[in-house]
Amino acid sequence: MKRQIIFYTFVLALLALAVPSRMAAQQPSDERPMWAAGFQVGVGGMVPTSSLSDDLKACALFAGGLTGEWNNLRLKAGIAYAQPSFKNDNPYGVFDSQGP
C-alpha cells in the first residue's frame, strides 16, 4: 500500500511539472490576458488535533482543483479527499443495555 501511495505521489508530481499550470490567450506583453485557466494537484497529510486525536488517526490527503479567469472574474473549484481510520471503537459514546 505504501509503495502505491509513493508511486502515485511521484506520478502526480511529474504531471504538475510537465503541464503548465496557467495557459493564456496570446496578448501583447503590456496587457493582462483576457482569459486564463489552470489546475492544481497535491498530496499532503491530515493530522487530527485536540479531542479529535482521541478518536481518529493521521492519514494521507489528496487534493485537486481547477481555476478559470475571465477579465477580473476568477472562479476556483477544488476538492480534497482523506479517509482517517478510527482509534476508538465507539467514537460517539453510544451505549445500549449490553454496553458499547
N, C-alpha and C. Protein backbone atom coordinates (compact mmCIF):
# COMPACT_ATOMS: atom_id res chain seq x y z
N MET A 1 0.83 -1.19 0.00
CA MET A 1 0.00 0.00 0.00
C MET A 1 0.87 1.26 0.00
N LYS A 2 1.95 1.27 0.82
CA LYS A 2 2.82 2.44 0.87
C LYS A 2 3.53 2.65 -0.47
N ARG A 3 3.89 1.56 -1.14
CA ARG A 3 4.54 1.69 -2.44
C ARG A 3 3.60 2.32 -3.46
N GLN A 4 2.31 1.96 -3.40
CA GLN A 4 1.34 2.54 -4.32
C GLN A 4 1.18 4.03 -4.05
N ILE A 5 1.13 4.44 -2.80
CA ILE A 5 0.98 5.85 -2.46
C ILE A 5 2.20 6.63 -2.94
N ILE A 6 3.40 6.08 -2.74
CA ILE A 6 4.61 6.75 -3.19
C ILE A 6 4.62 6.84 -4.72
N PHE A 7 4.21 5.79 -5.41
CA PHE A 7 4.18 5.79 -6.86
C PHE A 7 3.22 6.85 -7.38
N TYR A 8 1.99 6.89 -6.85
CA TYR A 8 1.00 7.87 -7.33
C TYR A 8 1.42 9.29 -6.97
N THR A 9 2.07 9.50 -5.84
CA THR A 9 2.59 10.82 -5.50
C THR A 9 3.63 11.25 -6.51
N PHE A 10 4.50 10.34 -6.90
CA PHE A 10 5.53 10.63 -7.88
C PHE A 10 4.91 10.97 -9.23
N VAL A 11 3.90 10.22 -9.65
CA VAL A 11 3.23 10.47 -10.93
C VAL A 11 2.55 11.83 -10.92
N LEU A 12 1.86 12.18 -9.83
CA LEU A 12 1.21 13.47 -9.74
C LEU A 12 2.22 14.61 -9.76
N ALA A 13 3.36 14.42 -9.12
CA ALA A 13 4.40 15.45 -9.13
C ALA A 13 4.94 15.65 -10.55
N LEU A 14 5.13 14.56 -11.29
CA LEU A 14 5.59 14.68 -12.68
C LEU A 14 4.56 15.39 -13.54
N LEU A 15 3.28 15.07 -13.34
CA LEU A 15 2.24 15.76 -14.11
C LEU A 15 2.22 17.25 -13.81
N ALA A 16 2.38 17.60 -12.56
CA ALA A 16 2.37 19.01 -12.18
C ALA A 16 3.54 19.75 -12.82
N LEU A 17 4.68 19.10 -12.98
CA LEU A 17 5.84 19.73 -13.60
C LEU A 17 5.74 19.75 -15.12
N ALA A 18 5.12 18.73 -15.70
CA ALA A 18 5.09 18.60 -17.15
C ALA A 18 4.04 19.49 -17.81
N VAL A 19 2.94 19.74 -17.16
CA VAL A 19 1.85 20.52 -17.75
C VAL A 19 1.88 21.92 -17.17
N PRO A 20 1.89 22.95 -18.02
CA PRO A 20 1.89 24.31 -17.47
C PRO A 20 0.62 24.58 -16.69
N SER A 21 0.76 25.24 -15.54
CA SER A 21 -0.39 25.46 -14.68
C SER A 21 -1.23 26.65 -15.10
N ARG A 22 -0.75 27.43 -16.04
CA ARG A 22 -1.52 28.60 -16.47
C ARG A 22 -1.36 28.74 -17.98
N MET A 23 -2.47 28.64 -18.70
CA MET A 23 -2.47 28.80 -20.14
C MET A 23 -3.29 30.04 -20.46
N ALA A 24 -2.77 30.94 -21.25
CA ALA A 24 -3.47 32.19 -21.52
C ALA A 24 -3.51 32.45 -23.02
N ALA A 25 -4.50 33.22 -23.44
CA ALA A 25 -4.60 33.61 -24.84
C ALA A 25 -3.44 34.54 -25.18
N GLN A 26 -3.02 34.55 -26.42
CA GLN A 26 -1.91 35.39 -26.84
C GLN A 26 -2.34 36.85 -26.83
N GLN A 27 -1.67 37.64 -26.04
CA GLN A 27 -1.93 39.07 -25.92
C GLN A 27 -0.59 39.80 -25.97
N PRO A 28 -0.61 41.08 -26.28
CA PRO A 28 0.63 41.85 -26.18
C PRO A 28 1.18 41.80 -24.75
N SER A 29 2.47 41.90 -24.59
CA SER A 29 3.10 41.71 -23.29
C SER A 29 2.74 42.79 -22.28
N ASP A 30 2.27 43.97 -22.72
CA ASP A 30 1.96 45.03 -21.78
C ASP A 30 0.53 44.95 -21.24
N GLU A 31 -0.27 44.03 -21.71
CA GLU A 31 -1.65 43.88 -21.26
C GLU A 31 -1.83 42.55 -20.52
N ARG A 32 -2.81 42.54 -19.63
CA ARG A 32 -3.20 41.27 -19.00
C ARG A 32 -3.98 40.45 -20.00
N PRO A 33 -3.84 39.14 -19.97
CA PRO A 33 -4.66 38.31 -20.87
C PRO A 33 -6.14 38.42 -20.51
N MET A 34 -7.01 38.27 -21.52
CA MET A 34 -8.44 38.38 -21.29
C MET A 34 -8.98 37.16 -20.53
N TRP A 35 -8.38 35.99 -20.76
CA TRP A 35 -8.83 34.80 -20.07
C TRP A 35 -7.61 33.95 -19.69
N ALA A 36 -7.82 33.11 -18.71
CA ALA A 36 -6.75 32.20 -18.27
C ALA A 36 -7.40 30.98 -17.61
N ALA A 37 -6.68 29.89 -17.60
CA ALA A 37 -7.17 28.66 -16.97
C ALA A 37 -5.98 27.94 -16.34
N GLY A 38 -6.26 27.17 -15.30
CA GLY A 38 -5.20 26.41 -14.65
C GLY A 38 -5.76 25.29 -13.81
N PHE A 39 -4.87 24.48 -13.30
CA PHE A 39 -5.29 23.38 -12.42
C PHE A 39 -4.24 23.18 -11.35
N GLN A 40 -4.61 22.45 -10.34
CA GLN A 40 -3.68 22.14 -9.25
C GLN A 40 -3.94 20.73 -8.75
N VAL A 41 -2.89 20.07 -8.36
CA VAL A 41 -2.99 18.76 -7.71
C VAL A 41 -2.02 18.77 -6.54
N GLY A 42 -2.33 18.01 -5.53
CA GLY A 42 -1.45 17.98 -4.38
C GLY A 42 -1.67 16.77 -3.49
N VAL A 43 -0.68 16.50 -2.72
CA VAL A 43 -0.72 15.42 -1.74
C VAL A 43 -0.21 16.00 -0.43
N GLY A 44 -0.88 15.67 0.64
CA GLY A 44 -0.47 16.17 1.93
C GLY A 44 -0.84 15.20 3.03
N GLY A 45 -0.93 15.71 4.20
CA GLY A 45 -1.30 14.88 5.34
C GLY A 45 -2.36 15.55 6.17
N MET A 46 -3.16 14.75 6.83
CA MET A 46 -4.17 15.27 7.74
C MET A 46 -3.86 14.70 9.12
N VAL A 47 -3.65 15.58 10.08
CA VAL A 47 -3.33 15.16 11.44
C VAL A 47 -4.38 15.74 12.38
N PRO A 48 -5.25 14.90 12.93
CA PRO A 48 -6.26 15.41 13.87
C PRO A 48 -5.60 15.97 15.13
N THR A 49 -6.15 17.06 15.64
CA THR A 49 -5.62 17.69 16.84
C THR A 49 -6.73 17.78 17.89
N SER A 50 -6.37 18.19 19.06
CA SER A 50 -7.29 18.39 20.18
C SER A 50 -8.04 17.09 20.49
N SER A 51 -9.33 17.17 20.72
CA SER A 51 -10.10 15.98 21.10
C SER A 51 -10.31 15.03 19.92
N LEU A 52 -10.17 15.51 18.68
CA LEU A 52 -10.30 14.62 17.53
C LEU A 52 -9.19 13.58 17.49
N SER A 53 -8.03 13.92 18.04
CA SER A 53 -6.92 12.97 18.01
C SER A 53 -7.18 11.76 18.93
N ASP A 54 -8.16 11.87 19.83
CA ASP A 54 -8.52 10.72 20.67
C ASP A 54 -9.25 9.65 19.88
N ASP A 55 -9.92 10.06 18.79
CA ASP A 55 -10.76 9.13 18.03
C ASP A 55 -10.24 8.80 16.64
N LEU A 56 -9.43 9.68 16.04
CA LEU A 56 -9.00 9.49 14.66
C LEU A 56 -7.49 9.42 14.54
N LYS A 57 -7.01 8.64 13.56
CA LYS A 57 -5.59 8.54 13.26
C LYS A 57 -5.23 9.50 12.13
N ALA A 58 -3.96 9.80 11.97
CA ALA A 58 -3.48 10.63 10.86
C ALA A 58 -3.57 9.83 9.56
N CYS A 59 -3.67 10.55 8.43
CA CYS A 59 -3.78 9.88 7.14
C CYS A 59 -3.27 10.79 6.02
N ALA A 60 -3.15 10.23 4.82
CA ALA A 60 -2.75 11.00 3.64
C ALA A 60 -3.96 11.75 3.09
N LEU A 61 -3.68 12.91 2.47
CA LEU A 61 -4.73 13.75 1.91
C LEU A 61 -4.38 14.03 0.45
N PHE A 62 -5.34 13.86 -0.44
CA PHE A 62 -5.16 14.11 -1.86
C PHE A 62 -6.07 15.27 -2.26
N ALA A 63 -5.55 16.21 -3.05
CA ALA A 63 -6.32 17.39 -3.40
C ALA A 63 -6.16 17.69 -4.89
N GLY A 64 -7.17 18.33 -5.45
CA GLY A 64 -7.13 18.76 -6.85
C GLY A 64 -8.10 19.90 -7.06
N GLY A 65 -7.86 20.69 -8.09
CA GLY A 65 -8.76 21.80 -8.34
C GLY A 65 -8.53 22.43 -9.70
N LEU A 66 -9.49 23.26 -10.10
CA LEU A 66 -9.46 23.98 -11.36
C LEU A 66 -9.64 25.46 -11.09
N THR A 67 -9.05 26.28 -11.95
CA THR A 67 -9.20 27.73 -11.86
C THR A 67 -9.51 28.26 -13.25
N GLY A 68 -10.47 29.15 -13.33
CA GLY A 68 -10.80 29.83 -14.58
C GLY A 68 -10.90 31.33 -14.31
N GLU A 69 -10.39 32.12 -15.25
CA GLU A 69 -10.40 33.56 -15.07
C GLU A 69 -10.81 34.22 -16.37
N TRP A 70 -11.70 35.19 -16.27
CA TRP A 70 -12.13 35.98 -17.42
C TRP A 70 -12.24 37.42 -16.98
N ASN A 71 -11.51 38.30 -17.62
CA ASN A 71 -11.39 39.70 -17.20
C ASN A 71 -10.98 39.75 -15.73
N ASN A 72 -11.80 40.27 -14.85
CA ASN A 72 -11.44 40.32 -13.42
C ASN A 72 -12.23 39.32 -12.60
N LEU A 73 -12.88 38.38 -13.22
CA LEU A 73 -13.68 37.37 -12.52
C LEU A 73 -12.88 36.07 -12.46
N ARG A 74 -12.63 35.58 -11.24
CA ARG A 74 -11.87 34.35 -11.06
C ARG A 74 -12.75 33.33 -10.34
N LEU A 75 -12.86 32.15 -10.92
CA LEU A 75 -13.62 31.05 -10.33
C LEU A 75 -12.67 29.91 -10.01
N LYS A 76 -12.79 29.40 -8.78
CA LYS A 76 -11.96 28.28 -8.36
C LYS A 76 -12.86 27.16 -7.85
N ALA A 77 -12.50 25.94 -8.18
CA ALA A 77 -13.21 24.77 -7.67
C ALA A 77 -12.15 23.76 -7.24
N GLY A 78 -12.30 23.25 -6.04
CA GLY A 78 -11.31 22.30 -5.55
C GLY A 78 -11.95 21.26 -4.65
N ILE A 79 -11.25 20.15 -4.51
CA ILE A 79 -11.73 19.08 -3.65
C ILE A 79 -10.53 18.42 -2.98
N ALA A 80 -10.73 18.00 -1.77
CA ALA A 80 -9.69 17.28 -1.03
C ALA A 80 -10.31 16.00 -0.47
N TYR A 81 -9.54 14.92 -0.48
CA TYR A 81 -10.04 13.63 -0.01
C TYR A 81 -9.05 13.03 0.98
N ALA A 82 -9.56 12.64 2.12
CA ALA A 82 -8.78 11.94 3.13
C ALA A 82 -9.71 10.99 3.86
N GLN A 83 -9.21 9.86 4.26
CA GLN A 83 -10.04 8.90 4.97
C GLN A 83 -9.29 8.37 6.19
N PRO A 84 -9.39 9.08 7.31
CA PRO A 84 -8.71 8.61 8.52
C PRO A 84 -9.42 7.39 9.10
N SER A 85 -8.68 6.58 9.81
CA SER A 85 -9.29 5.42 10.47
C SER A 85 -9.53 5.76 11.95
N PHE A 86 -10.40 5.00 12.56
CA PHE A 86 -10.78 5.24 13.95
C PHE A 86 -9.79 4.58 14.91
N LYS A 87 -9.42 5.28 15.97
CA LYS A 87 -8.65 4.70 17.06
C LYS A 87 -9.60 4.08 18.08
N ASN A 88 -10.71 4.73 18.28
CA ASN A 88 -11.69 4.35 19.29
C ASN A 88 -12.80 3.55 18.61
N ASP A 89 -13.17 2.40 19.19
CA ASP A 89 -14.24 1.59 18.61
C ASP A 89 -15.61 2.23 18.77
N ASN A 90 -15.76 3.12 19.71
CA ASN A 90 -17.05 3.76 19.98
C ASN A 90 -16.85 5.29 20.06
N PRO A 91 -16.58 5.96 18.91
CA PRO A 91 -16.22 7.38 18.96
C PRO A 91 -17.36 8.29 19.41
N TYR A 92 -18.60 7.89 19.25
CA TYR A 92 -19.72 8.74 19.63
C TYR A 92 -20.21 8.49 21.05
N GLY A 93 -19.63 7.50 21.72
CA GLY A 93 -20.01 7.20 23.10
C GLY A 93 -21.43 6.69 23.24
N VAL A 94 -21.89 5.89 22.29
CA VAL A 94 -23.25 5.35 22.32
C VAL A 94 -23.23 4.02 23.06
N PHE A 95 -24.08 3.91 24.05
CA PHE A 95 -24.17 2.68 24.84
C PHE A 95 -25.60 2.17 24.81
N ASP A 96 -25.75 0.87 24.82
CA ASP A 96 -27.08 0.27 24.98
C ASP A 96 -27.06 -0.61 26.22
N SER A 97 -28.06 -1.45 26.37
CA SER A 97 -28.14 -2.27 27.58
C SER A 97 -27.02 -3.31 27.66
N GLN A 98 -26.39 -3.62 26.54
CA GLN A 98 -25.30 -4.61 26.53
C GLN A 98 -23.93 -3.97 26.63
N GLY A 99 -23.82 -2.66 26.63
CA GLY A 99 -22.54 -1.98 26.70
C GLY A 99 -22.21 -1.29 25.38
N PRO A 100 -20.96 -0.88 25.22
CA PRO A 100 -20.57 -0.15 23.99
C PRO A 100 -20.55 -1.04 22.77
